[in-house]
């Protein structure tokens, strides 16, 4: 069953300028953070959104949970269009859709105790009174491995390590027993030795609550561990979508191949590495046609003129490329 459908979603941010620059500028400039993306997520699926920093992954996640308002397109959750829902309409939806932020240092209120942070959603949504919320918070602390829970309940965020703070962030999201989670780079700011434990914790709650998870990451190796499907983003566009092993074994887009080449554990010996030339383009004025063409070793003249569309290539594999890496020795 389709739980989430994104249709031609767009979000442009106006470029901040000085007073003099605004006077002299002929027209407004926008950062095209998300520029017409579409995908579907099914119930109890882990769907990873992968790409370099600045490609629009986090903005996509924030749009889905409606922390940002889209400029165009549709967000359909459980068959209901929530794209431009107002706060009154969104309030009951907040119980079903939660987000785990990337930075556990910035996402927790430093003036609140850990127990209060976890219990607050229950009180805000009138699910429990203070006494009941405290009991549920203590149980959740134990569920995320922060024991003894009574001790952690009284602590402040600055008294915890980065891994412990991220467990608190997960506990706060899970206390409402949501159906859908956006996990925005949940392990990128955590020590490598602790990442497996945090991923295991997420998978535990996925099984416990039958969760669907949109997992945002720049690391294909991490995405491979937990994902059912992977979508690759570049400069506000989705360039490839496929089941995890299909994408790892048979990448069709040069950008996906380049990402795989940067992860030693995912490099197949029989294949050559692909290294893109130059730097990622300016999202204010992205290249015409295919946005990767200035960096792509396989680019032809059509790549600079026409923007490729996501085309189906079998095995639930879609790619936006004029010259996909099909039967190519690479």
Protein backbone atom coordinates (compact mmCIF):
# COMPACT_ATOMS: atom_id res chain seq x y z
CA UNK A 1 0.00 0.00 0.00
CA UNK A 2 1.31 3.47 -0.91
CA UNK A 3 1.75 5.51 2.26
CA UNK A 4 3.45 8.62 0.87
CA UNK A 5 3.45 10.04 -2.63
CA UNK A 6 5.50 13.05 -3.70
CA UNK A 7 4.48 14.64 -6.99
CA UNK A 8 6.61 17.29 -8.75
CA UNK A 9 7.57 18.89 -5.42
CA UNK A 10 9.38 22.23 -5.50
CA UNK A 11 10.92 24.56 -2.94
CA UNK A 12 12.87 27.71 -3.85
CA UNK A 13 14.53 29.90 -1.24
CA UNK A 14 15.09 33.61 -2.01
CA UNK A 15 18.74 34.64 -1.92
CA UNK A 16 19.45 37.04 0.94
CA UNK A 17 21.03 40.28 -0.30
CA UNK A 18 22.16 43.56 1.20
CA UNK A 19 20.02 46.70 0.81
CA UNK A 20 22.26 48.03 -1.99
CA UNK A 21 22.22 44.69 -3.83
CA UNK A 22 18.42 44.65 -3.65
CA UNK A 23 18.26 48.15 -5.14
CA UNK A 24 20.58 47.28 -8.01
CA UNK A 25 19.25 43.79 -8.72
CA UNK A 26 16.99 43.51 -11.74
CA UNK A 27 15.20 40.42 -10.49
CA UNK A 28 15.06 38.19 -7.46
CA UNK A 29 17.30 35.17 -7.28
CA UNK A 30 16.33 31.83 -5.77
CA UNK A 31 18.16 28.76 -4.54
CA UNK A 32 16.38 25.83 -6.21
CA UNK A 33 16.70 23.46 -3.27
CA UNK A 34 14.05 21.01 -4.47
CA UNK A 35 13.14 21.36 -8.11
CA UNK A 36 10.38 19.02 -9.21
CA UNK A 37 10.92 15.62 -7.58
CA UNK A 38 8.52 12.68 -7.52
CA UNK A 39 8.59 9.33 -5.72
CA UNK A 40 6.39 6.88 -3.81
CA UNK A 41 6.89 5.16 -0.47
CA UNK A 42 5.09 2.04 0.64
CA UNK A 43 4.00 1.04 4.14
CA UNK A 44 6.73 -0.33 6.43
CA UNK A 45 9.38 0.58 3.87
CA UNK A 46 12.80 2.15 4.50
CA UNK A 47 13.38 4.58 1.65
CA UNK A 48 16.79 6.27 1.56
CA UNK A 49 17.46 9.64 -0.04
CA UNK A 50 21.16 9.88 -0.89
CA UNK A 51 23.37 12.63 -2.28
CA UNK A 52 26.03 15.24 -1.58
CA UNK A 53 25.52 18.08 0.88
CA UNK A 54 23.32 20.77 -0.65
CA UNK A 55 21.46 18.49 -3.05
CA UNK A 56 18.08 19.07 -1.35
CA UNK A 57 17.71 15.95 0.81
CA UNK A 58 17.07 17.72 4.12
CA UNK A 59 14.73 20.25 2.50
CA UNK A 60 12.72 17.35 1.08
CA UNK A 61 12.39 15.84 4.55
CA UNK A 62 11.35 19.16 6.08
CA UNK A 63 8.74 19.64 3.35
CA UNK A 64 7.24 16.21 4.02
CA UNK A 65 6.78 16.92 7.74
CA UNK A 66 5.60 20.43 6.78
CA UNK A 67 8.30 22.34 8.62
CA UNK A 68 8.67 24.11 5.28
CA UNK A 69 5.83 25.09 2.97
CA UNK A 70 6.19 23.85 -0.63
CA UNK A 71 6.11 26.28 -3.54
CA UNK A 72 4.53 23.74 -5.89
CA UNK A 73 3.72 20.06 -6.24
CA UNK A 74 1.87 17.64 -3.98
CA UNK A 75 2.50 15.72 -0.76
CA UNK A 76 -0.06 12.93 -0.37
CA UNK A 77 0.01 10.99 2.92
CA UNK A 78 -2.31 8.02 3.40
CA UNK A 79 -4.39 9.24 0.46
CA UNK A 80 -4.85 12.79 1.80
CA UNK A 81 -3.28 15.84 0.18
CA UNK A 82 -1.39 17.66 2.97
CA UNK A 83 0.61 19.99 0.72
CA UNK A 84 -0.98 23.23 1.87
CA UNK A 85 -2.79 22.06 5.01
CA UNK A 86 -3.05 24.71 7.72
CA UNK A 87 -1.82 24.27 11.30
CA UNK A 88 -5.23 23.12 12.54
CA UNK A 89 -5.30 20.38 9.91
CA UNK A 90 -1.66 19.46 10.57
CA UNK A 91 -2.01 19.04 14.34
CA UNK A 92 -3.45 15.48 14.29
CA UNK A 93 -0.97 14.64 11.52
CA UNK A 94 1.97 15.50 13.82
CA UNK A 95 1.18 12.39 15.86
CA UNK A 96 1.62 10.19 12.78
CA UNK A 97 4.64 11.91 11.20
CA UNK A 98 7.76 12.68 13.22
CA UNK A 99 11.30 13.79 12.40
CA UNK A 100 14.69 12.93 13.90
CA UNK A 101 17.06 15.81 13.27
CA UNK A 102 20.70 15.50 12.25
CA UNK A 103 22.22 17.51 15.09
CA UNK A 104 21.42 16.14 18.56
CA UNK A 105 23.23 19.13 20.07
CA UNK A 106 20.88 21.69 18.50
CA UNK A 107 17.59 19.78 18.43
CA UNK A 108 17.14 19.42 22.20
CA UNK A 109 16.10 22.32 24.45
CA UNK A 110 19.09 22.93 26.78
CA UNK A 111 16.80 24.31 29.51
CA UNK A 112 14.64 21.21 29.76
CA UNK A 113 15.47 17.97 31.52
CA UNK A 114 15.71 14.83 29.40
CA UNK A 115 12.51 13.36 30.86
CA UNK A 116 10.58 16.57 30.17
CA UNK A 117 11.79 16.63 26.56
CA UNK A 118 10.53 13.09 25.96
CA UNK A 119 7.25 13.54 27.85
CA UNK A 120 6.35 16.91 26.25
CA UNK A 121 4.75 15.51 23.03
CA UNK A 122 2.29 13.45 25.11
CA UNK A 123 1.22 16.55 27.03
CA UNK A 124 1.06 18.78 23.93
CA UNK A 125 -1.24 16.31 22.16
CA UNK A 126 -3.33 15.78 25.32
CA UNK A 127 -2.58 12.06 25.32
CA UNK A 128 -1.52 11.95 28.97
CA UNK A 129 -1.35 14.13 32.07
CA UNK A 130 2.02 14.96 33.66
CA UNK A 131 2.14 11.87 35.86
CA UNK A 132 1.23 9.49 33.03
CA UNK A 133 3.62 11.26 30.66
CA UNK A 134 6.46 10.80 33.15
CA UNK A 135 5.76 7.08 33.41
CA UNK A 136 5.75 6.72 29.62
CA UNK A 137 8.95 8.76 29.35
CA UNK A 138 10.69 6.47 31.84
CA UNK A 139 9.63 3.42 29.83
CA UNK A 140 10.86 5.04 26.63
CA UNK A 141 14.23 5.88 28.19
CA UNK A 142 14.64 2.22 28.99
CA UNK A 143 13.56 1.23 25.46
CA UNK A 144 16.29 3.40 23.91
CA UNK A 145 18.95 2.03 26.24
CA UNK A 146 19.33 4.97 28.64
CA UNK A 147 19.42 3.18 31.98
CA UNK A 148 18.80 3.59 34.81
CA UNK A 149 15.92 5.70 33.42
CA UNK A 150 15.29 7.67 36.65
CA UNK A 151 18.84 9.01 36.54
CA UNK A 152 18.67 10.06 32.89
CA UNK A 153 15.22 11.60 33.41
CA UNK A 154 16.73 14.27 35.68
CA UNK A 155 19.74 15.13 33.49
CA UNK A 156 20.08 18.06 31.07
CA UNK A 157 21.20 17.61 27.42
CA UNK A 158 24.68 19.07 28.07
CA UNK A 159 25.33 16.22 30.51
CA UNK A 160 24.95 13.57 27.80
CA UNK A 161 27.26 12.36 25.05
CA UNK A 162 26.38 12.78 21.37
CA UNK A 163 25.17 9.19 21.07
CA UNK A 164 23.03 9.52 24.18
CA UNK A 165 21.49 12.75 22.90
CA UNK A 166 20.56 11.07 19.64
CA UNK A 167 18.86 8.29 21.62
CA UNK A 168 16.86 11.02 23.38
CA UNK A 169 15.92 12.51 19.99
CA UNK A 170 14.74 9.08 18.85
CA UNK A 171 12.80 8.58 22.09
CA UNK A 172 11.06 11.94 21.67
CA UNK A 173 9.98 11.00 18.13
CA UNK A 174 8.83 7.51 19.11
CA UNK A 175 6.88 8.43 22.26
CA UNK A 176 3.83 9.22 20.09
CA UNK A 177 4.06 5.82 18.31
CA UNK A 178 4.08 7.43 14.85
CA UNK A 179 3.53 5.69 11.52
CA UNK A 180 6.10 7.63 9.51
CA UNK A 181 9.56 8.89 10.44
CA UNK A 182 11.91 11.25 8.62
CA UNK A 183 15.42 10.41 9.87
CA UNK A 184 17.66 13.25 8.71
CA UNK A 185 21.28 12.05 8.81
CA UNK A 186 20.69 10.53 12.28
CA UNK A 187 24.19 8.99 12.54
CA UNK A 188 26.36 11.52 10.69
CA UNK A 189 27.35 13.46 13.84
CA UNK A 190 27.88 10.38 15.99
CA UNK A 191 31.12 8.50 16.60
CA UNK A 192 31.62 5.71 14.06
CA UNK A 193 31.69 3.09 16.81
CA UNK A 194 28.13 4.05 17.88
CA UNK A 195 26.48 4.30 14.48
CA UNK A 196 25.55 0.62 14.25
CA UNK A 197 23.84 0.81 17.65
CA UNK A 198 21.72 3.82 16.59
CA UNK A 199 20.75 2.13 13.31
CA UNK A 200 19.84 -1.03 15.21
CA UNK A 201 17.67 1.06 17.54
CA UNK A 202 15.83 2.60 14.58
CA UNK A 203 15.20 -0.84 13.10
CA UNK A 204 13.91 -2.04 16.48
CA UNK A 205 11.23 0.69 16.48
CA UNK A 206 10.45 0.05 12.81
CA UNK A 207 9.52 -3.52 13.72
CA UNK A 208 7.78 -2.55 16.96
CA UNK A 209 5.53 0.15 15.46
CA UNK A 210 5.41 -1.02 11.80
CA UNK A 211 7.10 2.21 10.80
CA UNK A 212 7.84 3.65 7.39
CA UNK A 213 11.16 5.53 7.39
CA UNK A 214 12.51 8.16 5.01
CA UNK A 215 16.22 7.86 5.75
CA UNK A 216 18.31 10.83 4.60
CA UNK A 217 22.05 10.27 4.26
CA UNK A 218 25.12 11.09 2.19
CA UNK A 219 26.58 7.64 2.87
CA UNK A 220 25.58 4.89 0.45
CA UNK A 221 27.20 2.27 2.66
CA UNK A 222 24.86 3.18 5.53
CA UNK A 223 21.87 3.36 3.18
CA UNK A 224 22.62 -0.12 1.91
CA UNK A 225 22.48 -1.58 5.43
CA UNK A 226 18.91 -0.58 6.18
CA UNK A 227 17.14 0.44 2.96
CA UNK A 228 14.58 -1.30 0.81
CA UNK A 229 14.83 1.38 -1.88
CA UNK A 230 17.38 4.13 -2.60
CA UNK A 231 16.80 7.40 -4.46
CA UNK A 232 19.82 9.47 -5.51
CA UNK A 233 19.54 13.27 -5.59
CA UNK A 234 21.72 15.82 -7.37
CA UNK A 235 21.13 19.59 -7.34
CA UNK A 236 17.47 19.39 -6.38
CA UNK A 237 16.62 16.54 -8.76
CA UNK A 238 16.20 12.80 -8.31
CA UNK A 239 18.47 11.14 -10.88
CA UNK A 240 17.96 7.45 -10.01
CA UNK A 241 15.62 5.24 -7.97
CA UNK A 242 15.95 1.50 -7.50
CA UNK A 243 15.73 -1.32 -4.95
CA UNK A 244 18.88 -1.25 -2.83
CA UNK A 245 20.80 -4.22 -4.21
CA UNK A 246 19.72 -3.43 -7.76
CA UNK A 247 21.14 0.09 -7.45
CA UNK A 248 24.39 -1.10 -5.82
CA UNK A 249 24.97 -3.90 -8.36
CA UNK A 250 23.72 -2.10 -11.46
CA UNK A 251 23.99 1.73 -11.21
CA UNK A 252 22.69 3.37 -14.38
CA UNK A 253 23.45 7.05 -13.70
CA UNK A 254 27.04 8.36 -13.79
CA UNK A 255 26.46 10.30 -10.58
CA UNK A 256 25.34 7.16 -8.75
CA UNK A 257 28.41 5.35 -10.10
CA UNK A 258 30.63 8.19 -8.85
CA UNK A 259 29.06 7.99 -5.37
CA UNK A 260 29.63 4.23 -5.30
CA UNK A 261 33.24 4.77 -6.40
CA UNK A 262 33.84 6.95 -3.35
CA UNK A 263 32.90 4.12 -0.95
CA UNK A 264 35.68 1.48 -0.89
CA UNK A 265 33.44 -1.22 0.57
CA UNK A 266 30.99 -0.88 -2.34
CA UNK A 267 33.53 -0.88 -5.19
CA UNK A 268 33.32 -3.97 -7.36
CA UNK A 269 36.80 -5.13 -8.42
CA UNK A 270 35.77 -5.79 -12.02
CA UNK A 271 34.65 -2.19 -12.42
CA UNK A 272 36.70 0.93 -12.82
CA UNK A 273 36.15 3.88 -10.54
CA UNK A 274 34.34 6.89 -11.94
CA UNK A 275 35.53 10.29 -10.78
CA UNK A 276 33.55 13.37 -11.78
CA UNK A 277 35.44 16.47 -12.85
CA UNK A 278 34.97 19.92 -11.33
CA UNK A 279 32.73 20.94 -8.46
CA UNK A 280 29.00 20.80 -7.84
CA UNK A 281 27.25 23.66 -9.67
CA UNK A 282 25.62 26.71 -8.11
CA UNK A 283 22.00 25.88 -7.14
CA UNK A 284 21.02 29.49 -7.88
CA UNK A 285 21.92 29.07 -11.56
CA UNK A 286 22.02 25.32 -12.21
CA UNK A 287 23.26 24.10 -15.61
CA UNK A 288 20.72 23.76 -18.39
CA UNK A 289 19.66 20.32 -19.52
CA UNK A 290 21.11 17.59 -17.35
CA UNK A 291 22.55 19.25 -14.26
CA UNK A 292 25.46 16.86 -14.15
CA UNK A 293 26.62 17.41 -17.73
CA UNK A 294 29.50 19.87 -16.96
CA UNK A 295 31.06 17.15 -14.75
CA UNK A 296 30.02 14.00 -16.61
CA UNK A 297 32.63 12.13 -18.74
CA UNK A 298 29.85 10.66 -20.93
CA UNK A 299 28.06 13.95 -21.72
CA UNK A 300 26.99 14.69 -25.32
CA UNK A 301 25.56 17.87 -26.82
CA UNK A 302 21.98 16.82 -26.04
CA UNK A 303 22.83 16.69 -22.33
CA UNK A 304 23.30 20.47 -22.20
CA UNK A 305 20.08 21.15 -24.13
CA UNK A 306 17.45 18.74 -22.82
CA UNK A 307 16.67 17.74 -19.25
CA UNK A 308 16.35 13.95 -19.01
CA UNK A 309 13.24 12.43 -17.44
CA UNK A 310 13.06 9.47 -15.07
CA UNK A 311 12.71 6.45 -17.35
CA UNK A 312 11.81 2.91 -16.28
CA UNK A 313 14.52 0.33 -17.04
CA UNK A 314 13.01 -2.77 -15.44
CA UNK A 315 13.42 -4.28 -11.94
CA UNK A 316 11.72 -1.19 -10.44
CA UNK A 317 14.75 0.79 -11.65
CA UNK A 318 14.32 4.38 -12.85
CA UNK A 319 17.04 6.71 -14.14
CA UNK A 320 17.13 10.28 -15.50
CA UNK A 321 19.95 10.10 -18.04
CA UNK A 322 20.21 10.42 -21.83
CA UNK A 323 22.98 7.80 -21.88
CA UNK A 324 22.45 5.44 -18.93
CA UNK A 325 25.23 3.01 -18.13
CA UNK A 326 23.46 0.02 -19.70
CA UNK A 327 25.78 -2.70 -20.97
CA UNK A 328 28.64 -0.23 -20.71
CA UNK A 329 32.05 -1.37 -19.47
CA UNK A 330 32.75 1.05 -16.65
